Amino acid sequence: MVLAAPRPTIDLAAVASHLGTKIGARARVSILHDMVVIDVDRAGLVDVATLVRDDPVTRCDLYSTNAGVDTGAELRSVTFVRGTTTHVFVMLRTVCSELDPRIPTLSGVWPGANWCERETYDMFGITFDDHPDLRRIFLEESFPGHPLRKSFLPPRSDARGG
């Protein structure tokens, strides 16, 4: 058995070229396996996400998930969306810093972003500006910190012998 990267069922180079022309200097478009990857600054995120949703070539109508990433140098918000009729997979990546962990919400573009962004907020402390209900989803509001950040130190408790 040979393991290989997923094979795209569409012409990803054509899709990436089309998006690159439409997006211009607002973002960088590339291909990774069976996905179009768009690296976009937070100022242009909502505009680029709306384009990906509405453009007939991509028509990404299905919001899949958001993942937070802490590289140690920066925080990232990674959003995965898919066109159910176009079969285009798109990864939107946006960075922010630990000192300014703010990214615009995509819940106005895809309502399904609501709970996923809440999870990323809870675990990584990335604040999604203009989110309709940004609050913790797993942990208590009083929980100190965000446990998936590299800088997180768990609070002392009797369970840890402290």
C-alpha atoms as a PDB file:
ATOM      1  CA  MET A   1       0.000   0.000   0.000  1.00  0.00           C
ATOM      2  CA  VAL A   2       1.408   3.361  -1.048  1.00  0.00           C
ATOM      3  CA  LEU A   3       0.359   6.480   0.793  1.00  0.00           C
ATOM      4  CA  ALA A   4      -0.009   9.550  -1.355  1.00  0.00           C
ATOM      5  CA  ALA A   5      -1.478  13.017  -1.159  1.00  0.00           C
ATOM      6  CA  PRO A   6      -5.130  13.312  -2.159  1.00  0.00           C
ATOM      7  CA  ARG A   7      -5.636  13.879  -5.865  1.00  0.00           C
ATOM      8  CA  PRO A   8      -7.729  16.865  -6.842  1.00  0.00           C
ATOM      9  CA  THR A   9     -10.760  16.181  -9.006  1.00  0.00           C
ATOM     10  CA  ILE A  10     -10.622  19.645 -10.592  1.00  0.00           C
ATOM     11  CA  ASP A  11      -7.995  21.793 -12.286  1.00  0.00           C
ATOM     12  CA  LEU A  12      -6.568  23.432  -9.158  1.00  0.00           C
ATOM     13  CA  ALA A  13      -3.983  25.421 -11.096  1.00  0.00           C
ATOM     14  CA  ALA A  14      -6.769  27.092 -13.088  1.00  0.00           C
ATOM     15  CA  VAL A  15      -8.760  27.804  -9.925  1.00  0.00           C
ATOM     16  CA  ALA A  16      -5.702  29.231  -8.144  1.00  0.00           C
ATOM     17  CA  SER A  17      -4.831  31.366 -11.179  1.00  0.00           C
ATOM     18  CA  HIS A  18      -8.399  32.665 -11.376  1.00  0.00           C
ATOM     19  CA  LEU A  19      -8.426  33.535  -7.664  1.00  0.00           C
ATOM     20  CA  GLY A  20      -4.979  35.107  -7.877  1.00  0.00           C
ATOM     21  CA  THR A  21      -6.226  37.417 -10.634  1.00  0.00           C
ATOM     22  CA  LYS A  22      -9.377  38.351  -8.689  1.00  0.00           C
ATOM     23  CA  ILE A  23      -7.610  38.800  -5.343  1.00  0.00           C
ATOM     24  CA  GLY A  24      -4.546  40.593  -6.678  1.00  0.00           C
ATOM     25  CA  ALA A  25      -2.199  41.948  -4.016  1.00  0.00           C
ATOM     26  CA  ARG A  26      -4.704  41.405  -1.186  1.00  0.00           C
ATOM     27  CA  ALA A  27      -3.471  37.847  -0.576  1.00  0.00           C
ATOM     28  CA  ARG A  28      -1.126  35.089  -1.731  1.00  0.00           C
ATOM     29  CA  VAL A  29      -2.683  32.103  -3.480  1.00  0.00           C
ATOM     30  CA  SER A  30      -1.002  28.693  -3.655  1.00  0.00           C
ATOM     31  CA  ILE A  31      -1.872  25.000  -3.880  1.00  0.00           C
ATOM     32  CA  LEU A  32      -1.341  22.329  -1.238  1.00  0.00           C
ATOM     33  CA  HIS A  33      -2.339  18.767  -2.138  1.00  0.00           C
ATOM     34  CA  ASP A  34      -6.033  19.009  -3.100  1.00  0.00           C
ATOM     35  CA  MET A  35      -6.629  22.533  -1.718  1.00  0.00           C
ATOM     36  CA  VAL A  36      -6.241  26.112  -2.763  1.00  0.00           C
ATOM     37  CA  VAL A  37      -4.464  27.967   0.042  1.00  0.00           C
ATOM     38  CA  ILE A  38      -5.011  31.675   0.506  1.00  0.00           C
ATOM     39  CA  ASP A  39      -2.730  33.540   2.915  1.00  0.00           C
ATOM     40  CA  VAL A  40      -4.490  36.811   3.672  1.00  0.00           C
ATOM     41  CA  ASP A  41      -3.892  39.663   6.102  1.00  0.00           C
ATOM     42  CA  ARG A  42      -6.625  40.156   8.621  1.00  0.00           C
ATOM     43  CA  ALA A  43      -7.642  43.479   7.037  1.00  0.00           C
ATOM     44  CA  GLY A  44      -8.602  41.670   3.820  1.00  0.00           C
ATOM     45  CA  LEU A  45      -9.952  38.430   5.297  1.00  0.00           C
ATOM     46  CA  VAL A  46     -13.681  39.146   5.084  1.00  0.00           C
ATOM     47  CA  ASP A  47     -13.441  40.509   1.511  1.00  0.00           C
ATOM     48  CA  VAL A  48     -11.424  37.512   0.318  1.00  0.00           C
ATOM     49  CA  ALA A  49     -13.706  35.050   2.140  1.00  0.00           C
ATOM     50  CA  THR A  50     -16.760  36.668   0.537  1.00  0.00           C
ATOM     51  CA  LEU A  51     -15.121  36.357  -2.887  1.00  0.00           C
ATOM     52  CA  VAL A  52     -14.375  32.664  -2.279  1.00  0.00           C
ATOM     53  CA  ARG A  53     -17.977  32.107  -1.229  1.00  0.00           C
ATOM     54  CA  ASP A  54     -19.601  34.045  -4.101  1.00  0.00           C
ATOM     55  CA  ASP A  55     -17.285  33.525  -7.089  1.00  0.00           C
ATOM     56  CA  PRO A  56     -18.828  31.013  -9.538  1.00  0.00           C
ATOM     57  CA  VAL A  57     -15.496  29.203  -9.954  1.00  0.00           C
ATOM     58  CA  THR A  58     -15.210  28.403  -6.249  1.00  0.00           C
ATOM     59  CA  ARG A  59     -18.688  28.951  -4.742  1.00  0.00           C
ATOM     60  CA  CYS A  60     -17.497  27.721  -1.335  1.00  0.00           C
ATOM     61  CA  ASP A  61     -20.850  27.414   0.393  1.00  0.00           C
ATOM     62  CA  LEU A  62     -19.862  24.895   3.085  1.00  0.00           C
ATOM     63  CA  TYR A  63     -17.921  26.107   6.111  1.00  0.00           C
ATOM     64  CA  SER A  64     -15.979  23.160   7.482  1.00  0.00           C
ATOM     65  CA  THR A  65     -13.928  24.295  10.465  1.00  0.00           C
ATOM     66  CA  ASN A  66     -11.512  26.795  11.971  1.00  0.00           C
ATOM     67  CA  ALA A  67      -8.283  25.758  13.613  1.00  0.00           C
ATOM     68  CA  GLY A  68      -6.042  27.860  15.767  1.00  0.00           C
ATOM     69  CA  VAL A  69      -2.277  27.417  15.518  1.00  0.00           C
ATOM     70  CA  ASP A  70       0.405  28.733  17.852  1.00  0.00           C
ATOM     71  CA  THR A  71       3.800  28.577  16.171  1.00  0.00           C
ATOM     72  CA  GLY A  72       5.547  30.216  19.106  1.00  0.00           C
ATOM     73  CA  ALA A  73       6.251  33.284  16.963  1.00  0.00           C
ATOM     74  CA  GLU A  74       2.679  34.034  15.880  1.00  0.00           C
ATOM     75  CA  LEU A  75      -0.912  32.875  16.186  1.00  0.00           C
ATOM     76  CA  ARG A  76      -2.775  31.669  13.121  1.00  0.00           C
ATOM     77  CA  SER A  77      -6.409  31.213  12.283  1.00  0.00           C
ATOM     78  CA  VAL A  78      -6.876  28.542   9.608  1.00  0.00           C
ATOM     79  CA  THR A  79     -10.330  28.190   8.061  1.00  0.00           C
ATOM     80  CA  PHE A  80     -11.400  25.367   5.753  1.00  0.00           C
ATOM     81  CA  VAL A  81     -14.315  25.796   3.331  1.00  0.00           C
ATOM     82  CA  ARG A  82     -15.636  23.800   0.390  1.00  0.00           C
ATOM     83  CA  GLY A  83     -17.764  24.303  -2.670  1.00  0.00           C
ATOM     84  CA  THR A  84     -20.367  21.544  -2.612  1.00  0.00           C
ATOM     85  CA  THR A  85     -21.082  21.894  -6.341  1.00  0.00           C
ATOM     86  CA  THR A  86     -17.648  23.035  -7.534  1.00  0.00           C
ATOM     87  CA  HIS A  87     -15.681  20.534  -5.373  1.00  0.00           C
ATOM     88  CA  VAL A  88     -13.147  23.254  -4.567  1.00  0.00           C
ATOM     89  CA  PHE A  89     -11.460  23.063  -1.163  1.00  0.00           C
ATOM     90  CA  VAL A  90     -10.016  26.329   0.161  1.00  0.00           C
ATOM     91  CA  MET A  91      -7.839  26.971   3.201  1.00  0.00           C
ATOM     92  CA  LEU A  92      -7.824  30.591   4.404  1.00  0.00           C
ATOM     93  CA  ARG A  93      -4.848  31.408   6.661  1.00  0.00           C
ATOM     94  CA  THR A  94      -4.532  34.615   8.666  1.00  0.00           C
ATOM     95  CA  VAL A  95      -1.926  35.562  11.266  1.00  0.00           C
ATOM     96  CA  CYS A  96      -1.931  37.758  14.331  1.00  0.00           C
ATOM     97  CA  SER A  97       0.386  38.211  17.285  1.00  0.00           C
ATOM     98  CA  GLU A  98       0.081  37.137  20.891  1.00  0.00           C
ATOM     99  CA  LEU A  99       0.129  40.833  21.833  1.00  0.00           C
ATOM    100  CA  ASP A 100      -2.697  41.662  19.369  1.00  0.00           C
ATOM    101  CA  PRO A 101      -4.665  38.421  18.937  1.00  0.00           C
ATOM    102  CA  ARG A 102      -7.485  39.863  16.817  1.00  0.00           C
ATOM    103  CA  ILE A 103      -8.950  38.578  13.558  1.00  0.00           C
ATOM    104  CA  PRO A 104     -12.271  39.529  11.940  1.00  0.00           C
ATOM    105  CA  THR A 105     -15.068  37.006  12.330  1.00  0.00           C
ATOM    106  CA  LEU A 106     -16.258  35.063   9.314  1.00  0.00           C
ATOM    107  CA  SER A 107     -19.654  34.362  10.902  1.00  0.00           C
ATOM    108  CA  GLY A 108     -21.187  37.042   8.668  1.00  0.00           C
ATOM    109  CA  VAL A 109     -19.884  35.201   5.596  1.00  0.00           C
ATOM    110  CA  TRP A 110     -20.602  31.675   6.837  1.00  0.00           C
ATOM    111  CA  PRO A 111     -22.945  31.419   9.864  1.00  0.00           C
ATOM    112  CA  GLY A 112     -21.337  28.032  10.632  1.00  0.00           C
ATOM    113  CA  ALA A 113     -18.169  29.865  11.707  1.00  0.00           C
ATOM    114  CA  ASN A 114     -19.845  30.889  14.955  1.00  0.00           C
ATOM    115  CA  TRP A 115     -19.072  27.890  17.175  1.00  0.00           C
ATOM    116  CA  CYS A 116     -15.741  27.035  15.533  1.00  0.00           C
ATOM    117  CA  GLU A 117     -14.466  30.549  16.186  1.00  0.00           C
ATOM    118  CA  ARG A 118     -15.656  30.281  19.775  1.00  0.00           C
ATOM    119  CA  GLU A 119     -13.574  27.121  20.162  1.00  0.00           C
ATOM    120  CA  THR A 120     -10.491  28.838  18.709  1.00  0.00           C
ATOM    121  CA  TYR A 121     -11.086  31.772  21.052  1.00  0.00           C
ATOM    122  CA  ASP A 122     -11.426  29.449  24.046  1.00  0.00           C
ATOM    123  CA  MET A 123      -8.342  27.354  23.313  1.00  0.00           C
ATOM    124  CA  PHE A 124      -5.999  29.933  21.696  1.00  0.00           C
ATOM    125  CA  GLY A 125      -7.294  33.322  22.847  1.00  0.00           C
ATOM    126  CA  ILE A 126      -7.764  34.675  19.324  1.00  0.00           C
ATOM    127  CA  THR A 127     -10.493  37.316  19.493  1.00  0.00           C
ATOM    128  CA  PHE A 128     -12.797  37.353  16.471  1.00  0.00           C
ATOM    129  CA  ASP A 129     -13.860  40.968  16.042  1.00  0.00           C
ATOM    130  CA  ASP A 130     -17.610  41.535  15.526  1.00  0.00           C
ATOM    131  CA  HIS A 131     -18.446  37.939  16.453  1.00  0.00           C
ATOM    132  CA  PRO A 132     -22.112  37.782  17.547  1.00  0.00           C
ATOM    133  CA  ASP A 133     -21.485  35.648  20.677  1.00  0.00           C
ATOM    134  CA  LEU A 134     -17.783  35.365  21.439  1.00  0.00           C
ATOM    135  CA  ARG A 135     -17.471  33.506  24.731  1.00  0.00           C
ATOM    136  CA  ARG A 136     -15.854  30.321  25.926  1.00  0.00           C
ATOM    137  CA  ILE A 137     -17.402  27.126  24.656  1.00  0.00           C
ATOM    138  CA  PHE A 138     -15.553  24.431  26.655  1.00  0.00           C
ATOM    139  CA  LEU A 139     -14.035  26.127  29.680  1.00  0.00           C
ATOM    140  CA  GLU A 140     -15.541  28.304  32.387  1.00  0.00           C
ATOM    141  CA  GLU A 141     -15.366  32.055  31.754  1.00  0.00           C
ATOM    142  CA  SER A 142     -13.139  32.368  34.835  1.00  0.00           C
ATOM    143  CA  PHE A 143     -10.563  29.853  33.528  1.00  0.00           C
ATOM    144  CA  PRO A 144      -7.141  31.564  33.459  1.00  0.00           C
ATOM    145  CA  GLY A 145      -5.597  31.589  30.008  1.00  0.00           C
ATOM    146  CA  HIS A 146      -5.937  29.595  26.819  1.00  0.00           C
ATOM    147  CA  PRO A 147      -4.670  26.000  27.112  1.00  0.00           C
ATOM    148  CA  LEU A 148      -3.467  25.409  23.540  1.00  0.00           C
ATOM    149  CA  ARG A 149      -1.082  28.359  23.510  1.00  0.00           C
ATOM    150  CA  LYS A 150       2.555  27.405  23.835  1.00  0.00           C
ATOM    151  CA  SER A 151       2.943  29.977  26.636  1.00  0.00           C
ATOM    152  CA  PHE A 152       0.126  28.446  28.724  1.00  0.00           C
ATOM    153  CA  LEU A 153       0.992  27.225  32.203  1.00  0.00           C
ATOM    154  CA  PRO A 154      -1.749  25.141  33.849  1.00  0.00           C
ATOM    155  CA  PRO A 155      -3.084  26.515  37.115  1.00  0.00           C
ATOM    156  CA  ARG A 156      -1.964  24.722  40.249  1.00  0.00           C
ATOM    157  CA  SER A 157      -4.536  22.441  41.802  1.00  0.00           C
ATOM    158  CA  ASP A 158      -4.851  19.636  44.298  1.00  0.00           C
ATOM    159  CA  ALA A 159      -5.082  17.232  41.374  1.00  0.00           C
ATOM    160  CA  ARG A 160      -1.512  18.186  40.402  1.00  0.00           C
ATOM    161  CA  GLY A 161      -0.209  17.902  43.944  1.00  0.00           C
ATOM    162  CA  GLY A 162       0.067  21.662  44.335  1.00  0.00           C
END
